[in-house]
C-alpha atoms as a PDB file:
ATOM      1  CA  GLN A   1      17.740  -6.046  11.953  1.00  0.00           C
ATOM      2  CA  VAL A   2      14.117  -5.682  13.027  1.00  0.00           C
ATOM      3  CA  GLN A   3      11.882  -8.410  14.394  1.00  0.00           C
ATOM      4  CA  LEU A   4       8.134  -7.909  14.376  1.00  0.00           C
ATOM      5  CA  VAL A   5       5.419  -9.625  16.406  1.00  0.00           C
ATOM      6  CA  GLU A   6       1.742  -8.938  15.775  1.00  0.00           C
ATOM      7  CA  SER A   7      -1.063  -9.395  18.280  1.00  0.00           C
ATOM      8  CA  GLY A   8      -4.682  -8.450  18.779  1.00  0.00           C
ATOM      9  CA  GLY A   9      -6.408 -10.482  16.115  1.00  0.00           C
ATOM     10  CA  GLY A  10      -9.520 -12.509  16.768  1.00  0.00           C
ATOM     11  CA  LEU A  11     -13.102 -13.337  15.855  1.00  0.00           C
ATOM     12  CA  VAL A  12     -15.503 -10.397  15.828  1.00  0.00           C
ATOM     13  CA  GLN A  13     -18.936  -9.529  14.484  1.00  0.00           C
ATOM     14  CA  VAL A  14     -19.772  -7.223  11.608  1.00  0.00           C
ATOM     15  CA  GLY A  15     -19.523  -3.622  12.748  1.00  0.00           C
ATOM     16  CA  ASP A  16     -17.211  -4.381  15.657  1.00  0.00           C
ATOM     17  CA  SER A  17     -13.821  -2.808  16.275  1.00  0.00           C
ATOM     18  CA  LEU A  18     -10.421  -4.335  16.856  1.00  0.00           C
ATOM     19  CA  ARG A  19      -6.951  -2.986  17.511  1.00  0.00           C
ATOM     20  CA  LEU A  20      -3.905  -4.789  16.221  1.00  0.00           C
ATOM     21  CA  SER A  21      -0.466  -4.196  17.686  1.00  0.00           C
ATOM     22  CA  CYS A  22       2.948  -4.855  16.242  1.00  0.00           C
ATOM     23  CA  ALA A  23       5.875  -4.902  18.640  1.00  0.00           C
ATOM     24  CA  ALA A  24       9.283  -4.373  17.088  1.00  0.00           C
ATOM     25  CA  SER A  25      12.730  -5.157  18.357  1.00  0.00           C
ATOM     26  CA  GLY A  26      15.778  -3.281  17.191  1.00  0.00           C
ATOM     27  CA  ARG A  27      17.152   0.125  17.965  1.00  0.00           C
ATOM     28  CA  THR A  28      16.379   1.512  14.496  1.00  0.00           C
ATOM     29  CA  PHE A  29      12.607   1.025  14.641  1.00  0.00           C
ATOM     30  CA  SER A  30      11.937   4.740  14.631  1.00  0.00           C
ATOM     31  CA  SER A  31      13.709   5.178  11.301  1.00  0.00           C
ATOM     32  CA  TYR A  32      11.450   2.785   9.378  1.00  0.00           C
ATOM     33  CA  THR A  33       8.189   3.235   7.589  1.00  0.00           C
ATOM     34  CA  MET A  34       5.794   0.725   9.109  1.00  0.00           C
ATOM     35  CA  GLY A  35       3.051  -0.919   7.129  1.00  0.00           C
ATOM     36  CA  TRP A  36       0.116  -3.264   7.555  1.00  0.00           C
ATOM     37  CA  PHE A  37      -0.784  -5.753   4.872  1.00  0.00           C
ATOM     38  CA  ARG A  38      -3.413  -8.473   4.789  1.00  0.00           C
ATOM     39  CA  GLN A  39      -3.956 -11.716   2.969  1.00  0.00           C
ATOM     40  CA  ALA A  40      -7.289 -13.431   2.589  1.00  0.00           C
ATOM     41  CA  PRO A  41      -7.525 -17.120   1.607  1.00  0.00           C
ATOM     42  CA  GLY A  42      -6.760 -17.589  -2.075  1.00  0.00           C
ATOM     43  CA  LYS A  43      -5.806 -13.954  -2.585  1.00  0.00           C
ATOM     44  CA  GLU A  44      -2.625 -11.966  -2.901  1.00  0.00           C
ATOM     45  CA  ARG A  45      -1.235 -10.109   0.070  1.00  0.00           C
ATOM     46  CA  GLU A  46      -2.470  -6.537  -0.191  1.00  0.00           C
ATOM     47  CA  PHE A  47      -1.473  -3.214   1.256  1.00  0.00           C
ATOM     48  CA  VAL A  48      -3.677  -1.814   4.025  1.00  0.00           C
ATOM     49  CA  ALA A  49      -1.919   1.203   5.542  1.00  0.00           C
ATOM     50  CA  ASN A  50       1.453   2.669   6.343  1.00  0.00           C
ATOM     51  CA  ILE A  51       2.970   5.336   8.542  1.00  0.00           C
ATOM     52  CA  ARG A  52       6.238   7.218   8.138  1.00  0.00           C
ATOM     53  CA  TRP A  53       8.925   7.228  10.786  1.00  0.00           C
ATOM     54  CA  SER A  54       7.727  10.551  12.235  1.00  0.00           C
ATOM     55  CA  GLY A  55       4.138   9.374  12.550  1.00  0.00           C
ATOM     56  CA  ARG A  56       2.926  12.500  10.759  1.00  0.00           C
ATOM     57  CA  SER A  57       2.342  10.910   7.376  1.00  0.00           C
ATOM     58  CA  THR A  58      -0.061   8.037   6.824  1.00  0.00           C
ATOM     59  CA  TYR A  59      -1.561   6.375   3.784  1.00  0.00           C
ATOM     60  CA  TYR A  60      -4.480   3.973   3.405  1.00  0.00           C
ATOM     61  CA  ALA A  61      -5.915   1.624   0.869  1.00  0.00           C
ATOM     62  CA  ASP A  62      -9.240   2.851  -0.449  1.00  0.00           C
ATOM     63  CA  SER A  63     -10.982  -0.200   0.969  1.00  0.00           C
ATOM     64  CA  VAL A  64     -10.164   0.792   4.561  1.00  0.00           C
ATOM     65  CA  LYS A  65      -9.990   4.571   4.361  1.00  0.00           C
ATOM     66  CA  GLY A  66     -12.195   6.166   6.984  1.00  0.00           C
ATOM     67  CA  ARG A  67     -12.503   2.932   8.975  1.00  0.00           C
ATOM     68  CA  PHE A  68      -8.913   2.021   9.869  1.00  0.00           C
ATOM     69  CA  THR A  69      -6.327   4.169  11.621  1.00  0.00           C
ATOM     70  CA  ILE A  70      -2.632   3.436  11.783  1.00  0.00           C
ATOM     71  CA  SER A  71      -0.461   4.945  14.499  1.00  0.00           C
ATOM     72  CA  ARG A  72       2.902   4.356  16.105  1.00  0.00           C
ATOM     73  CA  ASP A  73       4.658   4.912  19.387  1.00  0.00           C
ATOM     74  CA  ASN A  74       8.377   5.053  18.752  1.00  0.00           C
ATOM     75  CA  ALA A  75       9.134   5.110  22.464  1.00  0.00           C
ATOM     76  CA  LYS A  76       7.435   1.712  22.771  1.00  0.00           C
ATOM     77  CA  ASN A  77       8.644   0.371  19.404  1.00  0.00           C
ATOM     78  CA  THR A  78       5.041  -0.398  18.543  1.00  0.00           C
ATOM     79  CA  VAL A  79       2.726   0.282  15.643  1.00  0.00           C
ATOM     80  CA  TYR A  80      -1.045  -0.077  15.861  1.00  0.00           C
ATOM     81  CA  LEU A  81      -3.929  -0.594  13.500  1.00  0.00           C
ATOM     82  CA  ARG A  82      -7.292   0.448  14.818  1.00  0.00           C
ATOM     83  CA  MET A  83     -10.058  -1.155  12.771  1.00  0.00           C
ATOM     84  CA  ASN A  84     -13.620   0.108  13.072  1.00  0.00           C
ATOM     85  CA  SER A  85     -16.844  -0.889  11.320  1.00  0.00           C
ATOM     86  CA  LEU A  86     -15.391  -4.240  10.373  1.00  0.00           C
ATOM     87  CA  LYS A  87     -16.850  -6.106   7.409  1.00  0.00           C
ATOM     88  CA  PRO A  88     -16.686  -9.764   6.380  1.00  0.00           C
ATOM     89  CA  GLU A  89     -14.347  -8.770   3.542  1.00  0.00           C
ATOM     90  CA  ASP A  90     -11.833  -7.584   6.144  1.00  0.00           C
ATOM     91  CA  THR A  91     -11.291 -11.209   7.135  1.00  0.00           C
ATOM     92  CA  ALA A  92      -7.631 -12.023   6.540  1.00  0.00           C
ATOM     93  CA  VAL A  93      -4.285 -12.625   8.135  1.00  0.00           C
ATOM     94  CA  TYR A  94      -2.834  -9.222   8.950  1.00  0.00           C
ATOM     95  CA  TYR A  95       0.896  -8.686   8.680  1.00  0.00           C
ATOM     96  CA  CYS A  96       3.080  -5.941  10.040  1.00  0.00           C
ATOM     97  CA  ALA A  97       6.082  -4.903   7.964  1.00  0.00           C
ATOM     98  CA  ALA A  98       8.989  -2.479   8.132  1.00  0.00           C
ATOM     99  CA  GLY A  99      10.938  -0.842   5.360  1.00  0.00           C
ATOM    100  CA  ALA A 100      13.112   2.224   5.027  1.00  0.00           C
ATOM    101  CA  GLY A 101      11.279   4.726   2.856  1.00  0.00           C
ATOM    102  CA  ALA A 102       8.688   2.128   1.858  1.00  0.00           C
ATOM    103  CA  THR A 103       5.403   3.007   0.208  1.00  0.00           C
ATOM    104  CA  THR A 104       2.642   0.561  -0.753  1.00  0.00           C
ATOM    105  CA  TYR A 105       4.608  -2.188  -2.489  1.00  0.00           C
ATOM    106  CA  ARG A 106       5.398  -5.434  -0.707  1.00  0.00           C
ATOM    107  CA  TYR A 107       8.915  -5.616  -2.096  1.00  0.00           C
ATOM    108  CA  GLU A 108       9.825  -2.352  -0.403  1.00  0.00           C
ATOM    109  CA  TYR A 109       9.403  -3.892   3.039  1.00  0.00           C
ATOM    110  CA  ASN A 110      12.405  -5.792   4.347  1.00  0.00           C
ATOM    111  CA  TYR A 111      11.000  -7.173   7.587  1.00  0.00           C
ATOM    112  CA  TRP A 112       7.751  -9.017   8.239  1.00  0.00           C
ATOM    113  CA  GLY A 113       5.905 -10.410  11.193  1.00  0.00           C
ATOM    114  CA  GLN A 114       4.240 -13.807  11.292  1.00  0.00           C
ATOM    115  CA  GLY A 115       0.736 -12.403  11.032  1.00  0.00           C
ATOM    116  CA  THR A 116      -2.406 -12.375  13.144  1.00  0.00           C
ATOM    117  CA  GLN A 117      -5.782 -13.714  12.045  1.00  0.00           C
ATOM    118  CA  VAL A 118      -8.789 -11.418  11.906  1.00  0.00           C
ATOM    119  CA  THR A 119     -12.154 -13.022  11.225  1.00  0.00           C
ATOM    120  CA  VAL A 120     -15.294 -10.947  10.831  1.00  0.00           C
ATOM    121  CA  SER A 121     -18.444 -12.986  11.149  1.00  0.00           C
ATOM    122  CA  SER A 122     -21.795 -11.968   9.737  1.00  0.00           C
END
């Protein structure tokens, strides 16, 4: 069992940066692929980025590639999402998720956090 709690969201201006954190409980955190998803009002929840258990393999949605960086610290049971050059279209609730061997599909993630709001104002 893994419990996830996101933090770090907020209201920022276009071009600003923000770092989201996701703290996990459970001794098996290091064995899971960790992902970030986001959901804007009226839209489906979409994949943003993920990172394999070792931290050496990452994958990004095209919309955030080059601007967002996912990382993890298995010793702290925490995964991060560094977001640079934020745009209004990045406005969404951001969710952290965990899944063994997961890729980019929501159904592959077994555990989800409650989400943290990110609002980018122009």
